């Protein structure tokens, strides 16, 4: 193997185009991220904010931000084949990075009021580099909304006990463990500590939107119980960690 091949093999391009095609099949009524973005809208004026979506894909999950009138929504992704769909949805521009693990986000320092990074860090070999780049292009006092899956809430641990399958939520039904796209697995407190090291402070923990409590989550009238238990024990009862943090330096 020549040196250039070795460098290429170390690059982390884990999100294939076929996954974007699957995401596009999600209907608007099933866009589970809208309640989170509505919570974000209570903290910032989305319509008049300059927003960056890191790992934007087709822009499907950011539709609420565009629907409220945001005209300064930008995207960054390793794929440009699907950028046209994001532009049609209302993104002003989508820029390409070859590898989020090592490349700079192609914007100047202190550019954005809001940055959203949904379901990206679990695909990265070097997520701390991406955090540092997000901090760099975010304005002092700006907010960063991060969402990563939690593979090991209590419900998933029970399934894992019987199946020995790490993909207990069937994120990627057709992938083997040799090709599984998630290569990082997160824990709540550790995730928050890393963000704090980069001078981010917690504004809201929105993980309760993804409550996963055996036998309870399915009942709508138990929403209060699910929220309370997820807030208190996110590692046990959240299927994803969703943190809204603010960059220091005001």
Protein backbone atom coordinates (compact mmCIF):
# COMPACT_ATOMS: atom_id res chain seq x y z
CA UNK A 1 0.00 0.00 0.00
CA UNK A 2 1.41 3.39 -0.91
CA UNK A 3 1.45 6.28 1.62
CA UNK A 4 -1.38 8.14 -0.08
CA UNK A 5 -3.59 5.05 0.19
CA UNK A 6 -2.82 4.77 3.88
CA UNK A 7 -3.86 8.39 4.44
CA UNK A 8 -7.04 7.81 2.47
CA UNK A 9 -7.89 4.70 4.50
CA UNK A 10 -7.65 6.67 7.75
CA UNK A 11 -10.21 9.21 6.62
CA UNK A 12 -13.61 8.78 8.17
CA UNK A 13 -16.30 8.96 5.49
CA UNK A 14 -18.92 6.85 7.21
CA UNK A 15 -22.16 8.37 6.01
CA UNK A 16 -22.85 7.00 2.53
CA UNK A 17 -25.24 8.62 0.09
CA UNK A 18 -27.73 5.78 0.45
CA UNK A 19 -28.44 6.90 4.02
CA UNK A 20 -29.49 10.35 2.81
CA UNK A 21 -31.89 8.69 0.40
CA UNK A 22 -33.42 6.77 3.31
CA UNK A 23 -33.73 9.96 5.36
CA UNK A 24 -35.59 11.63 2.50
CA UNK A 25 -38.29 8.99 2.86
CA UNK A 26 -39.20 10.37 6.31
CA UNK A 27 -42.46 12.31 6.11
CA UNK A 28 -42.90 15.76 7.61
CA UNK A 29 -45.27 14.32 10.20
CA UNK A 30 -42.52 11.93 11.31
CA UNK A 31 -39.84 14.63 11.60
CA UNK A 32 -39.02 13.92 15.24
CA UNK A 33 -36.60 16.84 15.53
CA UNK A 34 -39.22 19.58 15.15
CA UNK A 35 -40.10 19.70 18.91
CA UNK A 36 -36.40 20.21 19.70
CA UNK A 37 -36.11 23.08 17.22
CA UNK A 38 -39.24 24.66 18.72
CA UNK A 39 -37.48 24.60 22.10
CA UNK A 40 -34.47 26.22 20.45
CA UNK A 41 -36.75 28.93 19.12
CA UNK A 42 -37.76 29.84 22.67
CA UNK A 43 -34.13 30.72 23.44
CA UNK A 44 -33.09 32.53 20.26
CA UNK A 45 -34.71 34.52 17.47
CA UNK A 46 -34.31 31.95 14.71
CA UNK A 47 -35.82 34.18 12.04
CA UNK A 48 -33.09 36.79 12.46
CA UNK A 49 -30.19 34.47 13.33
CA UNK A 50 -27.34 33.31 11.15
CA UNK A 51 -27.51 29.53 11.44
CA UNK A 52 -25.07 26.77 10.51
CA UNK A 53 -26.11 23.14 10.15
CA UNK A 54 -23.02 20.92 10.51
CA UNK A 55 -23.66 17.66 8.68
CA UNK A 56 -26.71 19.13 6.96
CA UNK A 57 -27.37 16.41 4.38
CA UNK A 58 -30.58 17.26 2.54
CA UNK A 59 -31.72 19.77 5.17
CA UNK A 60 -34.82 17.76 6.05
CA UNK A 61 -34.49 17.98 9.82
CA UNK A 62 -33.96 21.77 9.84
CA UNK A 63 -37.22 22.48 8.06
CA UNK A 64 -38.77 24.17 11.11
CA UNK A 65 -36.00 26.78 11.23
CA UNK A 66 -36.60 27.56 7.57
CA UNK A 67 -40.38 27.60 8.05
CA UNK A 68 -40.16 30.31 10.73
CA UNK A 69 -38.47 32.58 8.21
CA UNK A 70 -34.73 32.11 8.67
CA UNK A 71 -33.02 33.34 5.48
CA UNK A 72 -29.45 32.93 6.72
CA UNK A 73 -29.24 29.17 7.13
CA UNK A 74 -25.99 27.62 5.89
CA UNK A 75 -24.89 24.02 5.68
CA UNK A 76 -21.66 22.05 5.80
CA UNK A 77 -21.34 18.43 4.75
CA UNK A 78 -18.99 15.92 3.22
CA UNK A 79 -21.53 15.22 0.48
CA UNK A 80 -22.56 17.78 -2.10
CA UNK A 81 -24.70 15.40 -4.17
CA UNK A 82 -27.67 16.25 -1.95
CA UNK A 83 -26.92 19.95 -1.42
CA UNK A 84 -29.45 20.90 -4.09
CA UNK A 85 -32.25 19.51 -1.91
CA UNK A 86 -31.08 21.63 1.03
CA UNK A 87 -30.93 24.73 -1.18
CA UNK A 88 -34.47 24.03 -2.43
CA UNK A 89 -35.60 23.82 1.19
CA UNK A 90 -34.23 27.31 1.85
CA UNK A 91 -30.54 26.97 2.77
CA UNK A 92 -28.59 29.98 1.55
CA UNK A 93 -25.44 27.95 0.83
CA UNK A 94 -24.00 24.48 1.47
CA UNK A 95 -20.23 24.12 1.62
CA UNK A 96 -18.28 20.89 1.39
CA UNK A 97 -15.58 19.60 3.72
CA UNK A 98 -13.65 16.51 2.77
CA UNK A 99 -13.30 15.22 6.32
CA UNK A 100 -14.82 16.78 9.45
CA UNK A 101 -12.23 14.98 11.57
CA UNK A 102 -9.37 17.13 10.32
CA UNK A 103 -10.66 19.90 8.04
CA UNK A 104 -11.58 23.43 9.04
CA UNK A 105 -15.20 24.42 8.75
CA UNK A 106 -15.01 26.82 5.78
CA UNK A 107 -16.25 29.97 7.51
CA UNK A 108 -14.56 32.82 9.37
CA UNK A 109 -14.27 33.02 13.16
CA UNK A 110 -17.32 34.27 15.09
CA UNK A 111 -19.70 34.01 12.11
CA UNK A 112 -22.84 32.29 13.41
CA UNK A 113 -25.45 32.96 16.08
CA UNK A 114 -26.68 29.36 16.11
CA UNK A 115 -25.04 26.06 15.18
CA UNK A 116 -26.86 22.74 15.02
CA UNK A 117 -25.07 19.39 14.78
CA UNK A 118 -27.47 16.46 14.74
CA UNK A 119 -26.37 12.82 14.53
CA UNK A 120 -22.85 13.55 13.33
CA UNK A 121 -20.42 12.98 16.21
CA UNK A 122 -21.15 9.26 16.39
CA UNK A 123 -19.67 8.94 12.88
CA UNK A 124 -16.41 10.74 13.65
CA UNK A 125 -13.00 9.42 14.65
CA UNK A 126 -11.99 12.82 16.02
CA UNK A 127 -15.11 14.62 17.27
CA UNK A 128 -13.14 17.00 19.51
CA UNK A 129 -11.69 18.62 16.39
CA UNK A 130 -15.22 19.26 15.17
CA UNK A 131 -16.20 20.75 18.54
CA UNK A 132 -13.22 23.11 18.37
CA UNK A 133 -14.20 24.19 14.86
CA UNK A 134 -17.80 24.75 15.91
CA UNK A 135 -16.58 26.90 18.77
CA UNK A 136 -14.36 28.88 16.40
CA UNK A 137 -17.09 29.82 13.92
CA UNK A 138 -19.75 30.45 16.61
CA UNK A 139 -20.08 33.99 17.93
CA UNK A 140 -19.40 34.64 21.63
CA UNK A 141 -22.74 34.14 23.34
CA UNK A 142 -24.00 32.07 20.43
CA UNK A 143 -25.75 28.75 21.02
CA UNK A 144 -24.82 25.25 19.90
CA UNK A 145 -27.44 22.48 19.71
CA UNK A 146 -25.89 19.02 19.78
CA UNK A 147 -27.70 15.72 19.38
CA UNK A 148 -26.05 12.30 19.60
CA UNK A 149 -27.70 8.89 20.03
CA UNK A 150 -27.48 6.96 23.27
CA UNK A 151 -27.08 3.30 22.36
CA UNK A 152 -27.38 2.09 25.94
CA UNK A 153 -30.50 3.27 27.78
CA UNK A 154 -32.14 0.63 29.94
CA UNK A 155 -34.49 -0.53 27.18
CA UNK A 156 -31.57 -1.08 24.80
CA UNK A 157 -29.59 -2.93 27.47
CA UNK A 158 -32.47 -5.36 27.91
CA UNK A 159 -32.60 -5.98 24.15
CA UNK A 160 -28.84 -6.34 23.98
CA UNK A 161 -28.95 -8.97 26.71
CA UNK A 162 -31.03 -11.23 24.49
CA UNK A 163 -29.76 -10.27 21.01
CA UNK A 164 -26.09 -9.31 21.45
CA UNK A 165 -26.82 -6.65 18.83
CA UNK A 166 -25.40 -3.20 19.54
CA UNK A 167 -27.91 -1.66 17.11
CA UNK A 168 -30.89 -2.18 19.40
CA UNK A 169 -32.79 0.75 17.88
CA UNK A 170 -32.29 -0.59 14.32
CA UNK A 171 -30.58 2.57 13.13
CA UNK A 172 -29.00 0.64 10.25
CA UNK A 173 -30.93 -2.57 9.67
CA UNK A 174 -28.94 -3.70 6.66
CA UNK A 175 -25.44 -3.17 8.05
CA UNK A 176 -23.24 -5.75 9.72
CA UNK A 177 -21.02 -4.94 12.70
CA UNK A 178 -18.12 -4.72 10.21
CA UNK A 179 -19.75 -1.86 8.34
CA UNK A 180 -21.77 -0.21 11.13
CA UNK A 181 -21.58 3.58 10.60
CA UNK A 182 -21.63 4.54 14.30
CA UNK A 183 -18.08 4.36 15.65
CA UNK A 184 -18.40 6.53 18.78
CA UNK A 185 -20.75 5.88 21.69
CA UNK A 186 -21.65 8.62 24.14
CA UNK A 187 -22.51 9.03 27.80
CA UNK A 188 -24.36 12.08 29.15
CA UNK A 189 -22.00 13.50 31.78
CA UNK A 190 -18.89 12.87 29.72
CA UNK A 191 -20.44 14.65 26.74
CA UNK A 192 -21.31 17.65 28.88
CA UNK A 193 -17.82 17.75 30.44
CA UNK A 194 -16.19 17.85 27.00
CA UNK A 195 -18.40 20.74 25.97
CA UNK A 196 -17.56 22.58 29.19
CA UNK A 197 -13.85 22.16 28.45
CA UNK A 198 -14.46 24.08 25.25
CA UNK A 199 -16.06 26.92 27.22
CA UNK A 200 -19.67 25.97 26.54
CA UNK A 201 -22.25 26.23 29.32
CA UNK A 202 -25.51 24.30 29.47
CA UNK A 203 -28.65 26.25 28.61
CA UNK A 204 -31.13 23.35 28.35
CA UNK A 205 -31.04 19.59 28.42
CA UNK A 206 -33.58 18.54 25.80
CA UNK A 207 -32.87 14.82 25.97
CA UNK A 208 -36.34 14.16 27.37
CA UNK A 209 -37.71 14.52 23.84
CA UNK A 210 -36.17 11.12 23.22
CA UNK A 211 -37.31 9.29 26.33
CA UNK A 212 -37.00 5.52 26.17
CA UNK A 213 -38.53 3.89 29.22
CA UNK A 214 -39.71 0.28 28.97
CA UNK A 215 -43.54 -0.05 28.96
CA UNK A 216 -44.07 3.65 29.78
CA UNK A 217 -42.90 5.77 26.83
CA UNK A 218 -45.68 4.43 24.59
CA UNK A 219 -48.42 6.00 26.74
CA UNK A 220 -49.02 9.69 25.97
CA UNK A 221 -50.52 10.47 29.37
CA UNK A 222 -47.18 9.48 30.97
CA UNK A 223 -45.24 12.31 29.27
CA UNK A 224 -44.61 14.06 32.58
CA UNK A 225 -43.18 10.91 34.12
CA UNK A 226 -41.00 10.24 31.06
CA UNK A 227 -39.66 13.82 31.11
CA UNK A 228 -38.90 13.69 34.82
CA UNK A 229 -37.13 10.33 34.68
CA UNK A 230 -35.19 11.23 31.54
CA UNK A 231 -34.02 14.52 33.03
CA UNK A 232 -32.88 12.79 36.21
CA UNK A 233 -31.37 9.66 34.64
CA UNK A 234 -30.51 10.43 30.98
CA UNK A 235 -28.09 7.53 30.58
CA UNK A 236 -30.82 5.09 31.60
CA UNK A 237 -33.86 6.63 29.93
CA UNK A 238 -32.85 8.82 26.95
CA UNK A 239 -32.43 7.31 23.50
CA UNK A 240 -30.41 10.39 22.56
CA UNK A 241 -28.59 13.22 24.30
CA UNK A 242 -29.75 16.64 23.12
CA UNK A 243 -27.87 19.54 24.66
CA UNK A 244 -28.32 23.23 24.04
CA UNK A 245 -25.19 25.06 25.17
CA UNK A 246 -23.89 28.61 24.96
CA UNK A 247 -20.39 29.74 24.00
CA UNK A 248 -18.70 31.83 26.67
CA UNK A 249 -16.89 35.08 26.04
CA UNK A 250 -19.63 37.71 26.15
